[in-house]
């Protein structure tokens, strides 16, 4: 079972408390100028990387807020979680702490 830390509640809880909400840091296209290809890319094209992946999660059975997380897709471990609007954490620092 995965344990996820909510940066708003300050608690680390089982993954059943949360729901995955997609890749983090995806910019929504401007509806006035976006092409069909822009919308296709926004809605369907995602990175599928091996290693540290930036994700968005929601604490549905708690505070209800969205937050970002960095999860290693190989080990399935969360490296960190942080509030929406906070800058991306430095991956080199996170990897050093995890080792």
C-alpha atoms as a PDB file:
ATOM      1  CA  UNK A   1       0.000   0.000   0.000  1.00  0.00           C
ATOM      2  CA  UNK A   2       1.247   3.462  -0.864  1.00  0.00           C
ATOM      3  CA  UNK A   3       1.427   6.110   1.841  1.00  0.00           C
ATOM      4  CA  UNK A   4       0.920   9.662   0.618  1.00  0.00           C
ATOM      5  CA  UNK A   5       1.638  12.863   2.539  1.00  0.00           C
ATOM      6  CA  UNK A   6      -0.935  15.658   2.119  1.00  0.00           C
ATOM      7  CA  UNK A   7       0.953  18.972   2.233  1.00  0.00           C
ATOM      8  CA  UNK A   8      -2.219  20.803   3.344  1.00  0.00           C
ATOM      9  CA  UNK A   9      -3.374  18.480   6.160  1.00  0.00           C
ATOM     10  CA  UNK A  10       0.180  17.566   7.152  1.00  0.00           C
ATOM     11  CA  UNK A  11      -0.747  13.871   7.464  1.00  0.00           C
ATOM     12  CA  UNK A  12       0.624  10.758   5.767  1.00  0.00           C
ATOM     13  CA  UNK A  13      -2.267   8.459   4.900  1.00  0.00           C
ATOM     14  CA  UNK A  14      -3.030   5.359   2.788  1.00  0.00           C
ATOM     15  CA  UNK A  15      -3.558   5.876  -0.931  1.00  0.00           C
ATOM     16  CA  UNK A  16      -7.272   5.049  -0.529  1.00  0.00           C
ATOM     17  CA  UNK A  17      -7.681   8.602   0.838  1.00  0.00           C
ATOM     18  CA  UNK A  18      -6.466  10.074  -2.448  1.00  0.00           C
ATOM     19  CA  UNK A  19      -7.201  10.011  -6.159  1.00  0.00           C
ATOM     20  CA  UNK A  20      -4.725  10.448  -9.006  1.00  0.00           C
ATOM     21  CA  UNK A  21      -5.504  13.522 -11.112  1.00  0.00           C
ATOM     22  CA  UNK A  22      -2.980  13.275 -13.948  1.00  0.00           C
ATOM     23  CA  UNK A  23       0.372  14.737 -14.805  1.00  0.00           C
ATOM     24  CA  UNK A  24       1.325  17.931 -12.973  1.00  0.00           C
ATOM     25  CA  UNK A  25       2.421  21.233 -14.507  1.00  0.00           C
ATOM     26  CA  UNK A  26       0.389  20.912 -17.716  1.00  0.00           C
ATOM     27  CA  UNK A  27      -0.504  24.312 -19.168  1.00  0.00           C
ATOM     28  CA  UNK A  28      -4.098  24.647 -20.378  1.00  0.00           C
ATOM     29  CA  UNK A  29      -4.296  26.116 -23.895  1.00  0.00           C
ATOM     30  CA  UNK A  30      -6.014  29.447 -24.498  1.00  0.00           C
ATOM     31  CA  UNK A  31      -9.501  28.535 -25.803  1.00  0.00           C
ATOM     32  CA  UNK A  32      -9.581  31.620 -28.044  1.00  0.00           C
ATOM     33  CA  UNK A  33      -6.470  30.664 -30.005  1.00  0.00           C
ATOM     34  CA  UNK A  34      -5.979  26.911 -29.467  1.00  0.00           C
ATOM     35  CA  UNK A  35      -6.043  24.579 -32.455  1.00  0.00           C
ATOM     36  CA  UNK A  36      -7.466  21.069 -32.470  1.00  0.00           C
ATOM     37  CA  UNK A  37      -3.895  19.770 -32.171  1.00  0.00           C
ATOM     38  CA  UNK A  38      -3.305  21.956 -29.087  1.00  0.00           C
ATOM     39  CA  UNK A  39      -6.408  20.470 -27.420  1.00  0.00           C
ATOM     40  CA  UNK A  40      -5.418  16.941 -28.437  1.00  0.00           C
ATOM     41  CA  UNK A  41      -1.994  17.400 -26.878  1.00  0.00           C
ATOM     42  CA  UNK A  42      -3.471  18.927 -23.700  1.00  0.00           C
ATOM     43  CA  UNK A  43      -6.103  16.239 -23.225  1.00  0.00           C
ATOM     44  CA  UNK A  44      -4.357  13.073 -24.356  1.00  0.00           C
ATOM     45  CA  UNK A  45      -0.584  13.363 -24.865  1.00  0.00           C
ATOM     46  CA  UNK A  46       1.384  12.736 -21.678  1.00  0.00           C
ATOM     47  CA  UNK A  47       4.927  11.847 -20.734  1.00  0.00           C
ATOM     48  CA  UNK A  48       5.461   8.219 -19.782  1.00  0.00           C
ATOM     49  CA  UNK A  49       8.865   8.415 -18.213  1.00  0.00           C
ATOM     50  CA  UNK A  50      10.875   5.969 -16.174  1.00  0.00           C
ATOM     51  CA  UNK A  51      11.955   7.541 -12.899  1.00  0.00           C
ATOM     52  CA  UNK A  52      10.827  10.737 -11.183  1.00  0.00           C
ATOM     53  CA  UNK A  53       7.415  11.810 -12.466  1.00  0.00           C
ATOM     54  CA  UNK A  54       5.508  14.973 -11.510  1.00  0.00           C
ATOM     55  CA  UNK A  55       1.893  14.128 -10.708  1.00  0.00           C
ATOM     56  CA  UNK A  56      -1.254  15.840  -9.445  1.00  0.00           C
ATOM     57  CA  UNK A  57      -3.272  14.193  -6.652  1.00  0.00           C
ATOM     58  CA  UNK A  58      -6.416  15.087  -4.707  1.00  0.00           C
ATOM     59  CA  UNK A  59      -7.113  14.333  -1.058  1.00  0.00           C
ATOM     60  CA  UNK A  60     -10.741  13.341  -1.655  1.00  0.00           C
ATOM     61  CA  UNK A  61     -11.451  11.795   1.767  1.00  0.00           C
ATOM     62  CA  UNK A  62      -9.784  14.614   3.672  1.00  0.00           C
ATOM     63  CA  UNK A  63      -9.350  18.286   2.880  1.00  0.00           C
ATOM     64  CA  UNK A  64     -10.447  17.816  -0.761  1.00  0.00           C
ATOM     65  CA  UNK A  65      -7.544  19.869  -2.108  1.00  0.00           C
ATOM     66  CA  UNK A  66      -5.308  19.174  -5.084  1.00  0.00           C
ATOM     67  CA  UNK A  67      -1.535  18.949  -4.587  1.00  0.00           C
ATOM     68  CA  UNK A  68       1.514  17.926  -6.601  1.00  0.00           C
ATOM     69  CA  UNK A  69       3.781  14.985  -5.956  1.00  0.00           C
ATOM     70  CA  UNK A  70       7.008  13.544  -7.311  1.00  0.00           C
ATOM     71  CA  UNK A  71       6.780   9.761  -7.560  1.00  0.00           C
ATOM     72  CA  UNK A  72       9.464   7.374  -8.775  1.00  0.00           C
ATOM     73  CA  UNK A  73       7.719   5.184 -11.365  1.00  0.00           C
ATOM     74  CA  UNK A  74      10.295   2.402 -10.952  1.00  0.00           C
ATOM     75  CA  UNK A  75      10.054   1.934  -7.171  1.00  0.00           C
ATOM     76  CA  UNK A  76       6.537   3.446  -6.848  1.00  0.00           C
ATOM     77  CA  UNK A  77       7.809   5.577  -3.935  1.00  0.00           C
ATOM     78  CA  UNK A  78       6.753   9.164  -3.379  1.00  0.00           C
ATOM     79  CA  UNK A  79       9.831  11.371  -3.202  1.00  0.00           C
ATOM     80  CA  UNK A  80       7.908  14.435  -2.036  1.00  0.00           C
ATOM     81  CA  UNK A  81       4.573  16.227  -2.159  1.00  0.00           C
ATOM     82  CA  UNK A  82       4.034  19.967  -2.390  1.00  0.00           C
ATOM     83  CA  UNK A  83       1.245  22.511  -2.690  1.00  0.00           C
ATOM     84  CA  UNK A  84      -0.168  23.621  -6.031  1.00  0.00           C
ATOM     85  CA  UNK A  85       1.550  26.867  -6.990  1.00  0.00           C
ATOM     86  CA  UNK A  86       4.821  26.015  -5.249  1.00  0.00           C
ATOM     87  CA  UNK A  87       7.831  25.662  -7.568  1.00  0.00           C
ATOM     88  CA  UNK A  88       8.936  22.238  -8.758  1.00  0.00           C
ATOM     89  CA  UNK A  89      11.409  20.644  -6.365  1.00  0.00           C
ATOM     90  CA  UNK A  90      14.964  20.016  -7.540  1.00  0.00           C
ATOM     91  CA  UNK A  91      15.189  16.379  -8.685  1.00  0.00           C
ATOM     92  CA  UNK A  92      18.909  16.056  -7.865  1.00  0.00           C
ATOM     93  CA  UNK A  93      18.263  16.980  -4.224  1.00  0.00           C
ATOM     94  CA  UNK A  94      15.310  14.577  -3.990  1.00  0.00           C
ATOM     95  CA  UNK A  95      17.324  11.673  -5.405  1.00  0.00           C
ATOM     96  CA  UNK A  96      20.155  12.304  -2.928  1.00  0.00           C
ATOM     97  CA  UNK A  97      17.706  12.286  -0.007  1.00  0.00           C
ATOM     98  CA  UNK A  98      16.087   9.052  -1.225  1.00  0.00           C
ATOM     99  CA  UNK A  99      19.382   7.158  -1.399  1.00  0.00           C
END
